[in-house]
Amino acid sequence: MANLSDIITSKVRIKILELFFSNVKEMYHVRGIVRELKEEINAVRRELEKLEQVGILKKEPRGNRVYYWVRRDHPFYGDLLSIAAKTMGLGSELIKNRNKIGKVNTIMFSGGFVRRQPKKHEDDVDILIVGDIVLPELATLIRTEESKRGKEINYTVMSREEFEFRKKRRDPFLQGILSYGRVMVVGDEEDLVS
């Protein structure tokens, strides 16, 4: 499976990007990052400065601490968020266990799920999975992620035929899922919405 280390050579930079993009709403101070990553403070500072210089991170001094957070207006924000969703956490596990969970055509995360935003409606779908799925295998992976996040994950599984049928009929449930922002973990977005 492809990984961030395939395109970024600094292991400290990879760890920093993974930390920030695993929870894009969070602000981190330098010593907190050092503790979290278990890396040398000078290496962390050097990489934070580089990421700030290229505009991926923003910093602000507060008292005797310097805080960093992700700039959502950076041109690569969506791309990095998508990469992080595929290479960490549930996205990584679903890709790694793809053969165990069945014949998967599509796995789509909602944008809110990836950004860890609260749901607007309790029944909003976090994950859409299309294919011939082994539900017990999938449920095990989902439960593991639910225990890490401390909240329920709302997912929907459809066969390819059911998905195509609902799409042709402009099913309101499916249209609701497809109308929000999304991150494709497996499959092509154009095939999903065309």
C-alpha atoms as a PDB file:
ATOM      1  CA  MET A   1       0.000   0.000   0.000  1.00  0.00           C
ATOM      2  CA  ALA A   2       1.219   3.511  -0.774  1.00  0.00           C
ATOM      3  CA  ASN A   3       2.227   5.628   2.179  1.00  0.00           C
ATOM      4  CA  LEU A   4       3.249   9.203   2.909  1.00  0.00           C
ATOM      5  CA  SER A   5       6.840   8.001   3.219  1.00  0.00           C
ATOM      6  CA  ASP A   6       6.742   7.161  -0.494  1.00  0.00           C
ATOM      7  CA  ILE A   7       6.605  10.862  -1.379  1.00  0.00           C
ATOM      8  CA  ILE A   8       7.969  12.605   1.737  1.00  0.00           C
ATOM      9  CA  THR A   9      11.408  11.584   2.965  1.00  0.00           C
ATOM     10  CA  SER A  10      11.500  13.255   6.397  1.00  0.00           C
ATOM     11  CA  LYS A  11      10.006  10.884   8.981  1.00  0.00           C
ATOM     12  CA  VAL A  12       9.479  13.780  11.409  1.00  0.00           C
ATOM     13  CA  ARG A  13       7.563  15.757   8.758  1.00  0.00           C
ATOM     14  CA  ILE A  14       5.396  12.710   8.051  1.00  0.00           C
ATOM     15  CA  LYS A  15       4.601  12.336  11.753  1.00  0.00           C
ATOM     16  CA  ILE A  16       3.751  16.043  12.020  1.00  0.00           C
ATOM     17  CA  LEU A  17       1.466  15.931   8.976  1.00  0.00           C
ATOM     18  CA  GLU A  18      -0.242  12.798  10.284  1.00  0.00           C
ATOM     19  CA  LEU A  19      -0.770  14.437  13.678  1.00  0.00           C
ATOM     20  CA  PHE A  20      -2.226  17.635  12.244  1.00  0.00           C
ATOM     21  CA  PHE A  21      -4.355  15.984   9.558  1.00  0.00           C
ATOM     22  CA  SER A  22      -5.747  13.325  11.904  1.00  0.00           C
ATOM     23  CA  ASN A  23      -7.579  16.154  13.679  1.00  0.00           C
ATOM     24  CA  VAL A  24      -7.563  19.320  11.577  1.00  0.00           C
ATOM     25  CA  LYS A  25      -9.410  21.382  14.189  1.00  0.00           C
ATOM     26  CA  GLU A  26      -6.709  20.945  16.821  1.00  0.00           C
ATOM     27  CA  MET A  27      -3.997  23.466  17.718  1.00  0.00           C
ATOM     28  CA  TYR A  28      -0.701  22.103  19.022  1.00  0.00           C
ATOM     29  CA  HIS A  29       2.177  23.717  20.870  1.00  0.00           C
ATOM     30  CA  VAL A  30       5.774  22.697  20.201  1.00  0.00           C
ATOM     31  CA  ARG A  31       6.429  20.749  23.409  1.00  0.00           C
ATOM     32  CA  GLY A  32       3.096  18.961  23.080  1.00  0.00           C
ATOM     33  CA  ILE A  33       4.043  17.891  19.547  1.00  0.00           C
ATOM     34  CA  VAL A  34       7.434  16.674  20.786  1.00  0.00           C
ATOM     35  CA  ARG A  35       5.748  14.582  23.519  1.00  0.00           C
ATOM     36  CA  GLU A  36       3.152  13.225  21.113  1.00  0.00           C
ATOM     37  CA  LEU A  37       5.656  12.259  18.404  1.00  0.00           C
ATOM     38  CA  LYS A  38       8.538  11.234  20.697  1.00  0.00           C
ATOM     39  CA  GLU A  39      11.037  13.055  18.489  1.00  0.00           C
ATOM     40  CA  GLU A  40      13.855  15.511  19.186  1.00  0.00           C
ATOM     41  CA  ILE A  41      12.682  19.076  19.769  1.00  0.00           C
ATOM     42  CA  ASN A  42      15.101  20.594  17.230  1.00  0.00           C
ATOM     43  CA  ALA A  43      13.932  18.234  14.476  1.00  0.00           C
ATOM     44  CA  VAL A  44      10.291  19.049  15.276  1.00  0.00           C
ATOM     45  CA  ARG A  45      10.961  22.805  15.291  1.00  0.00           C
ATOM     46  CA  ARG A  46      12.820  22.587  11.973  1.00  0.00           C
ATOM     47  CA  GLU A  47       9.961  20.723  10.282  1.00  0.00           C
ATOM     48  CA  LEU A  48       7.302  23.004  11.784  1.00  0.00           C
ATOM     49  CA  GLU A  49       9.167  26.024  10.408  1.00  0.00           C
ATOM     50  CA  LYS A  50       9.372  24.432   6.945  1.00  0.00           C
ATOM     51  CA  LEU A  51       5.668  23.596   6.948  1.00  0.00           C
ATOM     52  CA  GLU A  52       4.865  27.124   8.091  1.00  0.00           C
ATOM     53  CA  GLN A  53       7.089  28.656   5.393  1.00  0.00           C
ATOM     54  CA  VAL A  54       5.277  26.761   2.635  1.00  0.00           C
ATOM     55  CA  GLY A  55       1.943  27.777   4.142  1.00  0.00           C
ATOM     56  CA  ILE A  56       0.564  24.404   5.250  1.00  0.00           C
ATOM     57  CA  LEU A  57       0.689  25.392   8.921  1.00  0.00           C
ATOM     58  CA  LYS A  58       0.066  28.681  10.644  1.00  0.00           C
ATOM     59  CA  LYS A  59       1.618  29.684  13.958  1.00  0.00           C
ATOM     60  CA  GLU A  60       0.769  32.089  16.719  1.00  0.00           C
ATOM     61  CA  PRO A  61       2.641  32.855  19.936  1.00  0.00           C
ATOM     62  CA  ARG A  62       0.476  32.827  23.058  1.00  0.00           C
ATOM     63  CA  GLY A  63       2.239  33.606  26.306  1.00  0.00           C
ATOM     64  CA  ASN A  64       5.376  31.524  26.431  1.00  0.00           C
ATOM     65  CA  ARG A  65       4.089  28.945  23.912  1.00  0.00           C
ATOM     66  CA  VAL A  66       3.904  28.883  20.139  1.00  0.00           C
ATOM     67  CA  TYR A  67       0.821  27.167  18.722  1.00  0.00           C
ATOM     68  CA  TYR A  68       0.489  25.650  15.240  1.00  0.00           C
ATOM     69  CA  TRP A  69      -2.574  24.600  13.266  1.00  0.00           C
ATOM     70  CA  VAL A  70      -3.497  23.582   9.723  1.00  0.00           C
ATOM     71  CA  ARG A  71      -4.312  26.332   7.225  1.00  0.00           C
ATOM     72  CA  ARG A  72      -7.512  25.306   5.511  1.00  0.00           C
ATOM     73  CA  ASP A  73      -6.993  27.859   2.748  1.00  0.00           C
ATOM     74  CA  HIS A  74      -3.788  26.177   1.521  1.00  0.00           C
ATOM     75  CA  PRO A  75      -4.150  24.831  -2.055  1.00  0.00           C
ATOM     76  CA  PHE A  76      -3.044  21.324  -0.966  1.00  0.00           C
ATOM     77  CA  TYR A  77      -5.313  21.168   2.112  1.00  0.00           C
ATOM     78  CA  GLY A  78      -7.921  18.906   0.503  1.00  0.00           C
ATOM     79  CA  ASP A  79      -5.279  16.712  -1.103  1.00  0.00           C
ATOM     80  CA  LEU A  80      -3.358  16.248   2.156  1.00  0.00           C
ATOM     81  CA  LEU A  81      -6.595  15.559   4.009  1.00  0.00           C
ATOM     82  CA  SER A  82      -7.464  12.896   1.437  1.00  0.00           C
ATOM     83  CA  ILE A  83      -4.002  11.316   1.677  1.00  0.00           C
ATOM     84  CA  ALA A  84      -4.215  11.282   5.474  1.00  0.00           C
ATOM     85  CA  ALA A  85      -7.678   9.667   5.357  1.00  0.00           C
ATOM     86  CA  LYS A  86      -6.281   6.865   3.197  1.00  0.00           C
ATOM     87  CA  THR A  87      -3.005   6.271   5.019  1.00  0.00           C
ATOM     88  CA  MET A  88      -4.091   6.499   8.670  1.00  0.00           C
ATOM     89  CA  GLY A  89      -6.784   5.091  10.911  1.00  0.00           C
ATOM     90  CA  LEU A  90      -9.890   3.511   9.459  1.00  0.00           C
ATOM     91  CA  GLY A  91      -9.037   4.368   5.848  1.00  0.00           C
ATOM     92  CA  SER A  92      -5.742   2.535   6.122  1.00  0.00           C
ATOM     93  CA  GLU A  93      -7.409  -0.463   7.804  1.00  0.00           C
ATOM     94  CA  LEU A  94     -10.130  -0.689   5.168  1.00  0.00           C
ATOM     95  CA  ILE A  95      -7.577  -0.604   2.362  1.00  0.00           C
ATOM     96  CA  LYS A  96      -5.302  -3.119   4.101  1.00  0.00           C
ATOM     97  CA  ASN A  97      -8.223  -5.506   4.769  1.00  0.00           C
ATOM     98  CA  ARG A  98      -9.959  -4.905   1.449  1.00  0.00           C
ATOM     99  CA  ASN A  99      -9.882  -8.573   0.453  1.00  0.00           C
ATOM    100  CA  LYS A 100     -11.239  -9.703   3.839  1.00  0.00           C
ATOM    101  CA  ILE A 101     -14.247  -7.410   3.705  1.00  0.00           C
ATOM    102  CA  GLY A 102     -15.315  -8.628   0.270  1.00  0.00           C
ATOM    103  CA  LYS A 103     -15.359  -7.316  -3.279  1.00  0.00           C
ATOM    104  CA  VAL A 104     -15.223  -3.560  -2.713  1.00  0.00           C
ATOM    105  CA  ASN A 105     -16.088  -1.162  -5.533  1.00  0.00           C
ATOM    106  CA  THR A 106     -16.261   2.069  -3.543  1.00  0.00           C
ATOM    107  CA  ILE A 107     -15.460   3.376  -0.084  1.00  0.00           C
ATOM    108  CA  MET A 108     -16.362   7.006   0.494  1.00  0.00           C
ATOM    109  CA  PHE A 109     -15.904   8.983   3.717  1.00  0.00           C
ATOM    110  CA  SER A 110     -18.028  12.077   4.243  1.00  0.00           C
ATOM    111  CA  GLY A 111     -16.057  15.301   4.522  1.00  0.00           C
ATOM    112  CA  GLY A 112     -17.395  15.881   8.023  1.00  0.00           C
ATOM    113  CA  PHE A 113     -16.224  12.438   9.131  1.00  0.00           C
ATOM    114  CA  VAL A 114     -12.682  13.063   7.858  1.00  0.00           C
ATOM    115  CA  ARG A 115     -12.567  16.544   9.440  1.00  0.00           C
ATOM    116  CA  ARG A 116     -14.115  15.134  12.676  1.00  0.00           C
ATOM    117  CA  GLN A 117     -16.912  17.668  12.570  1.00  0.00           C
ATOM    118  CA  PRO A 118     -20.086  17.091  14.570  1.00  0.00           C
ATOM    119  CA  LYS A 119     -22.951  15.733  12.492  1.00  0.00           C
ATOM    120  CA  LYS A 120     -25.628  18.207  11.421  1.00  0.00           C
ATOM    121  CA  HIS A 121     -28.246  15.457  11.679  1.00  0.00           C
ATOM    122  CA  GLU A 122     -27.992  12.328  13.800  1.00  0.00           C
ATOM    123  CA  ASP A 123     -28.706  10.082  10.806  1.00  0.00           C
ATOM    124  CA  ASP A 124     -26.017  11.593   8.528  1.00  0.00           C
ATOM    125  CA  VAL A 125     -23.943   8.846   6.909  1.00  0.00           C
ATOM    126  CA  ASP A 126     -20.193   8.927   7.662  1.00  0.00           C
ATOM    127  CA  ILE A 127     -19.144   6.129   5.296  1.00  0.00           C
ATOM    128  CA  LEU A 128     -20.656   4.683   2.117  1.00  0.00           C
ATOM    129  CA  ILE A 129     -19.404   1.294   0.981  1.00  0.00           C
ATOM    130  CA  VAL A 130     -20.467  -0.230  -2.329  1.00  0.00           C
ATOM    131  CA  GLY A 131     -19.770  -3.836  -3.292  1.00  0.00           C
ATOM    132  CA  ASP A 132     -20.303  -7.409  -2.154  1.00  0.00           C
ATOM    133  CA  ILE A 133     -19.305  -6.940   1.488  1.00  0.00           C
ATOM    134  CA  VAL A 134     -18.692  -9.429   4.312  1.00  0.00           C
ATOM    135  CA  LEU A 135     -20.555  -7.482   6.992  1.00  0.00           C
ATOM    136  CA  PRO A 136     -19.023  -9.126  10.116  1.00  0.00           C
ATOM    137  CA  GLU A 137     -15.484  -8.303   8.914  1.00  0.00           C
ATOM    138  CA  LEU A 138     -16.456  -4.716   8.152  1.00  0.00           C
ATOM    139  CA  ALA A 139     -18.281  -4.333  11.465  1.00  0.00           C
ATOM    140  CA  THR A 140     -15.163  -5.422  13.361  1.00  0.00           C
ATOM    141  CA  LEU A 141     -13.067  -2.700  11.698  1.00  0.00           C
ATOM    142  CA  ILE A 142     -15.767  -0.080  12.300  1.00  0.00           C
ATOM    143  CA  ARG A 143     -16.144  -1.019  15.986  1.00  0.00           C
ATOM    144  CA  THR A 144     -12.390  -0.699  16.500  1.00  0.00           C
ATOM    145  CA  GLU A 145     -12.450   2.839  15.079  1.00  0.00           C
ATOM    146  CA  GLU A 146     -15.550   3.703  17.123  1.00  0.00           C
ATOM    147  CA  SER A 147     -13.737   2.750  20.312  1.00  0.00           C
ATOM    148  CA  LYS A 148     -10.760   4.948  19.327  1.00  0.00           C
ATOM    149  CA  ARG A 149     -12.981   7.931  18.527  1.00  0.00           C
ATOM    150  CA  GLY A 150     -15.383   7.377  21.384  1.00  0.00           C
ATOM    151  CA  LYS A 151     -18.426   7.830  19.148  1.00  0.00           C
ATOM    152  CA  GLU A 152     -20.637   5.850  16.838  1.00  0.00           C
ATOM    153  CA  ILE A 153     -19.846   5.726  13.123  1.00  0.00           C
ATOM    154  CA  ASN A 154     -22.872   5.677  10.831  1.00  0.00           C
ATOM    155  CA  TYR A 155     -22.128   3.631   7.721  1.00  0.00           C
ATOM    156  CA  THR A 156     -24.174   2.309   4.822  1.00  0.00           C
ATOM    157  CA  VAL A 157     -23.415  -0.724   2.688  1.00  0.00           C
ATOM    158  CA  MET A 158     -24.979  -1.292  -0.731  1.00  0.00           C
ATOM    159  CA  SER A 159     -24.432  -3.829  -3.468  1.00  0.00           C
ATOM    160  CA  ARG A 160     -23.369  -2.380  -6.817  1.00  0.00           C
ATOM    161  CA  GLU A 161     -26.807  -3.198  -8.239  1.00  0.00           C
ATOM    162  CA  GLU A 162     -28.662  -1.490  -5.381  1.00  0.00           C
ATOM    163  CA  PHE A 163     -26.396   1.552  -5.662  1.00  0.00           C
ATOM    164  CA  GLU A 164     -26.998   1.860  -9.432  1.00  0.00           C
ATOM    165  CA  PHE A 165     -30.738   1.343  -8.978  1.00  0.00           C
ATOM    166  CA  ARG A 166     -30.965   4.030  -6.280  1.00  0.00           C
ATOM    167  CA  LYS A 167     -28.806   6.394  -8.311  1.00  0.00           C
ATOM    168  CA  LYS A 168     -31.011   6.023 -11.433  1.00  0.00           C
ATOM    169  CA  ARG A 169     -34.147   6.574  -9.348  1.00  0.00           C
ATOM    170  CA  ARG A 170     -32.599   9.637  -7.684  1.00  0.00           C
ATOM    171  CA  ASP A 171     -33.228   8.077  -4.289  1.00  0.00           C
ATOM    172  CA  PRO A 172     -33.356  10.910  -1.699  1.00  0.00           C
ATOM    173  CA  PHE A 173     -31.294   8.918   0.823  1.00  0.00           C
ATOM    174  CA  LEU A 174     -28.471   8.316  -1.666  1.00  0.00           C
ATOM    175  CA  GLN A 175     -28.703  11.858  -3.077  1.00  0.00           C
ATOM    176  CA  GLY A 176     -28.318  13.170   0.472  1.00  0.00           C
ATOM    177  CA  ILE A 177     -25.133  11.153   0.943  1.00  0.00           C
ATOM    178  CA  LEU A 178     -23.680  12.228  -2.405  1.00  0.00           C
ATOM    179  CA  SER A 179     -24.578  15.906  -2.033  1.00  0.00           C
ATOM    180  CA  TYR A 180     -22.055  16.596   0.755  1.00  0.00           C
ATOM    181  CA  GLY A 181     -18.259  16.845   0.602  1.00  0.00           C
ATOM    182  CA  ARG A 182     -16.485  13.517   0.385  1.00  0.00           C
ATOM    183  CA  VAL A 183     -13.130  11.793   0.375  1.00  0.00           C
ATOM    184  CA  MET A 184     -12.765   8.754  -1.851  1.00  0.00           C
ATOM    185  CA  VAL A 185     -10.808   5.978  -0.132  1.00  0.00           C
ATOM    186  CA  VAL A 186     -11.444   3.304  -2.756  1.00  0.00           C
ATOM    187  CA  GLY A 187     -12.916   3.928  -6.187  1.00  0.00           C
ATOM    188  CA  ASP A 188     -13.332   6.874  -8.493  1.00  0.00           C
ATOM    189  CA  GLU A 189     -15.433   9.904  -7.582  1.00  0.00           C
ATOM    190  CA  GLU A 190     -16.568  10.394 -11.178  1.00  0.00           C
ATOM    191  CA  ASP A 191     -17.978   6.846 -11.279  1.00  0.00           C
ATOM    192  CA  LEU A 192     -19.735   7.517  -7.987  1.00  0.00           C
ATOM    193  CA  VAL A 193     -21.624  10.630  -9.058  1.00  0.00           C
ATOM    194  CA  SER A 194     -22.031  10.219 -12.845  1.00  0.00           C
END
